[in-house]
Amino acid sequence: MSLSNFQAKLKYTSDEGCEYESDFRVNPKQEDANKVLLDLIEHLAWMGAVGGQADETTKAFERGHTQGVERLAYLDSLKKETNHERNS
């Protein structure tokens, strides 16, 4: 499954008072929605490391990745079942 559009808005303040705000979205400079998503993931990983939670960030990514791979396999199996029923 591929993305045709993606947008996320980030806004946060550190405990030291640093503020950050950014929009991750498809735009004329970056028209690939999948790349926009990956840019956001990279930024979140960076935030976790800078915030002193590099190990926790890695574990959270790995959990999400594992769950995503499992869900994709499930969705693929549903497609195969549907295609098999149509062809029978």
C-alpha atoms as a PDB file:
ATOM      1  CA  MET A   1       0.000   0.000   0.000  1.00  0.00           C
ATOM      2  CA  SER A   2       1.368   3.375  -0.977  1.00  0.00           C
ATOM      3  CA  LEU A   3       0.335   6.855   0.096  1.00  0.00           C
ATOM      4  CA  SER A   4      -1.161   9.294  -2.368  1.00  0.00           C
ATOM      5  CA  ASN A   5      -1.185  12.134   0.159  1.00  0.00           C
ATOM      6  CA  PHE A   6       0.266  12.719   3.618  1.00  0.00           C
ATOM      7  CA  GLN A   7       0.294  15.595   6.064  1.00  0.00           C
ATOM      8  CA  ALA A   8       1.329  15.948   9.698  1.00  0.00           C
ATOM      9  CA  LYS A   9       1.763  19.032  11.818  1.00  0.00           C
ATOM     10  CA  LEU A  10       4.309  19.020  14.644  1.00  0.00           C
ATOM     11  CA  LYS A  11       4.421  21.545  17.423  1.00  0.00           C
ATOM     12  CA  TYR A  12       6.318  21.079  20.641  1.00  0.00           C
ATOM     13  CA  THR A  13       8.170  22.864  23.407  1.00  0.00           C
ATOM     14  CA  SER A  14      11.149  21.410  25.245  1.00  0.00           C
ATOM     15  CA  ASP A  15      11.475  21.518  29.003  1.00  0.00           C
ATOM     16  CA  GLU A  16      14.106  24.220  28.424  1.00  0.00           C
ATOM     17  CA  GLY A  17      11.598  26.394  26.553  1.00  0.00           C
ATOM     18  CA  CYS A  18      12.719  25.730  22.982  1.00  0.00           C
ATOM     19  CA  GLU A  19       9.755  25.750  20.620  1.00  0.00           C
ATOM     20  CA  TYR A  20       9.468  23.994  17.285  1.00  0.00           C
ATOM     21  CA  GLU A  21       6.730  23.826  14.703  1.00  0.00           C
ATOM     22  CA  SER A  22       6.733  22.191  11.294  1.00  0.00           C
ATOM     23  CA  ASP A  23       4.370  20.886   8.650  1.00  0.00           C
ATOM     24  CA  PHE A  24       5.253  17.661   6.904  1.00  0.00           C
ATOM     25  CA  ARG A  25       3.170  17.540   3.745  1.00  0.00           C
ATOM     26  CA  VAL A  26       3.136  16.929   0.058  1.00  0.00           C
ATOM     27  CA  ASN A  27       4.138  20.111  -1.757  1.00  0.00           C
ATOM     28  CA  PRO A  28       5.707  21.212  -5.056  1.00  0.00           C
ATOM     29  CA  LYS A  29       9.231  20.592  -3.708  1.00  0.00           C
ATOM     30  CA  GLN A  30       8.289  17.158  -2.334  1.00  0.00           C
ATOM     31  CA  GLU A  31       5.459  15.472  -4.209  1.00  0.00           C
ATOM     32  CA  ASP A  32       6.120  11.942  -2.921  1.00  0.00           C
ATOM     33  CA  ALA A  33       3.807  11.304   0.049  1.00  0.00           C
ATOM     34  CA  ASN A  34       5.791   8.218   1.065  1.00  0.00           C
ATOM     35  CA  LYS A  35       8.964  10.319   1.305  1.00  0.00           C
ATOM     36  CA  VAL A  36       7.129  12.915   3.411  1.00  0.00           C
ATOM     37  CA  LEU A  37       6.125  10.152   5.851  1.00  0.00           C
ATOM     38  CA  LEU A  38       9.719   8.903   6.007  1.00  0.00           C
ATOM     39  CA  ASP A  39      10.961  12.455   6.646  1.00  0.00           C
ATOM     40  CA  LEU A  40       8.571  12.689   9.611  1.00  0.00           C
ATOM     41  CA  ILE A  41       9.703   9.322  10.975  1.00  0.00           C
ATOM     42  CA  GLU A  42      13.329  10.420  10.663  1.00  0.00           C
ATOM     43  CA  HIS A  43      12.570  13.661  12.497  1.00  0.00           C
ATOM     44  CA  LEU A  44      10.762  11.822  15.311  1.00  0.00           C
ATOM     45  CA  ALA A  45      13.726   9.460  15.700  1.00  0.00           C
ATOM     46  CA  TRP A  46      16.009  12.486  15.863  1.00  0.00           C
ATOM     47  CA  MET A  47      13.779  14.050  18.530  1.00  0.00           C
ATOM     48  CA  GLY A  48      13.909  10.874  20.610  1.00  0.00           C
ATOM     49  CA  ALA A  49      17.689  10.756  20.475  1.00  0.00           C
ATOM     50  CA  VAL A  50      18.136  14.461  21.236  1.00  0.00           C
ATOM     51  CA  GLY A  51      15.664  14.090  24.098  1.00  0.00           C
ATOM     52  CA  GLY A  52      17.841  11.409  25.672  1.00  0.00           C
ATOM     53  CA  GLN A  53      15.535   8.528  24.776  1.00  0.00           C
ATOM     54  CA  ALA A  54      17.449   6.896  21.945  1.00  0.00           C
ATOM     55  CA  ASP A  55      16.938   3.337  23.211  1.00  0.00           C
ATOM     56  CA  GLU A  56      13.228   3.895  23.876  1.00  0.00           C
ATOM     57  CA  THR A  57      12.840   5.466  20.432  1.00  0.00           C
ATOM     58  CA  THR A  58      14.463   2.456  18.782  1.00  0.00           C
ATOM     59  CA  LYS A  59      12.206   0.072  20.707  1.00  0.00           C
ATOM     60  CA  ALA A  60       9.083   2.084  19.801  1.00  0.00           C
ATOM     61  CA  PHE A  61      10.080   2.047  16.124  1.00  0.00           C
ATOM     62  CA  GLU A  62      10.748  -1.685  16.212  1.00  0.00           C
ATOM     63  CA  ARG A  63       7.367  -2.374  17.884  1.00  0.00           C
ATOM     64  CA  GLY A  64       5.555  -0.271  15.306  1.00  0.00           C
ATOM     65  CA  HIS A  65       7.483  -1.862  12.462  1.00  0.00           C
ATOM     66  CA  THR A  66       6.679  -5.382  13.694  1.00  0.00           C
ATOM     67  CA  GLN A  67       2.997  -4.539  14.097  1.00  0.00           C
ATOM     68  CA  GLY A  68       2.921  -2.942  10.651  1.00  0.00           C
ATOM     69  CA  VAL A  69       4.517  -5.959   8.981  1.00  0.00           C
ATOM     70  CA  GLU A  70       2.003  -8.237  10.734  1.00  0.00           C
ATOM     71  CA  ARG A  71      -0.914  -6.047   9.646  1.00  0.00           C
ATOM     72  CA  LEU A  72       0.330  -5.938   6.057  1.00  0.00           C
ATOM     73  CA  ALA A  73       0.539  -9.750   5.989  1.00  0.00           C
ATOM     74  CA  TYR A  74      -3.032  -9.927   7.314  1.00  0.00           C
ATOM     75  CA  LEU A  75      -4.312  -7.456   4.705  1.00  0.00           C
ATOM     76  CA  ASP A  76      -2.491  -9.358   1.965  1.00  0.00           C
ATOM     77  CA  SER A  77      -4.118 -12.610   3.131  1.00  0.00           C
ATOM     78  CA  LEU A  78      -7.557 -10.959   2.941  1.00  0.00           C
ATOM     79  CA  LYS A  79      -6.837  -9.844  -0.628  1.00  0.00           C
ATOM     80  CA  LYS A  80      -5.778 -13.372  -1.577  1.00  0.00           C
ATOM     81  CA  GLU A  81      -8.957 -14.828  -0.048  1.00  0.00           C
ATOM     82  CA  THR A  82     -11.125 -12.296  -1.870  1.00  0.00           C
ATOM     83  CA  ASN A  83      -9.359 -12.953  -5.183  1.00  0.00           C
ATOM     84  CA  HIS A  84      -9.636 -16.723  -4.672  1.00  0.00           C
ATOM     85  CA  GLU A  85     -13.384 -16.454  -3.972  1.00  0.00           C
ATOM     86  CA  ARG A  86     -13.907 -14.322  -7.095  1.00  0.00           C
ATOM     87  CA  ASN A  87     -12.015 -16.792  -9.266  1.00  0.00           C
ATOM     88  CA  SER A  88     -13.851 -19.846  -7.882  1.00  0.00           C
END
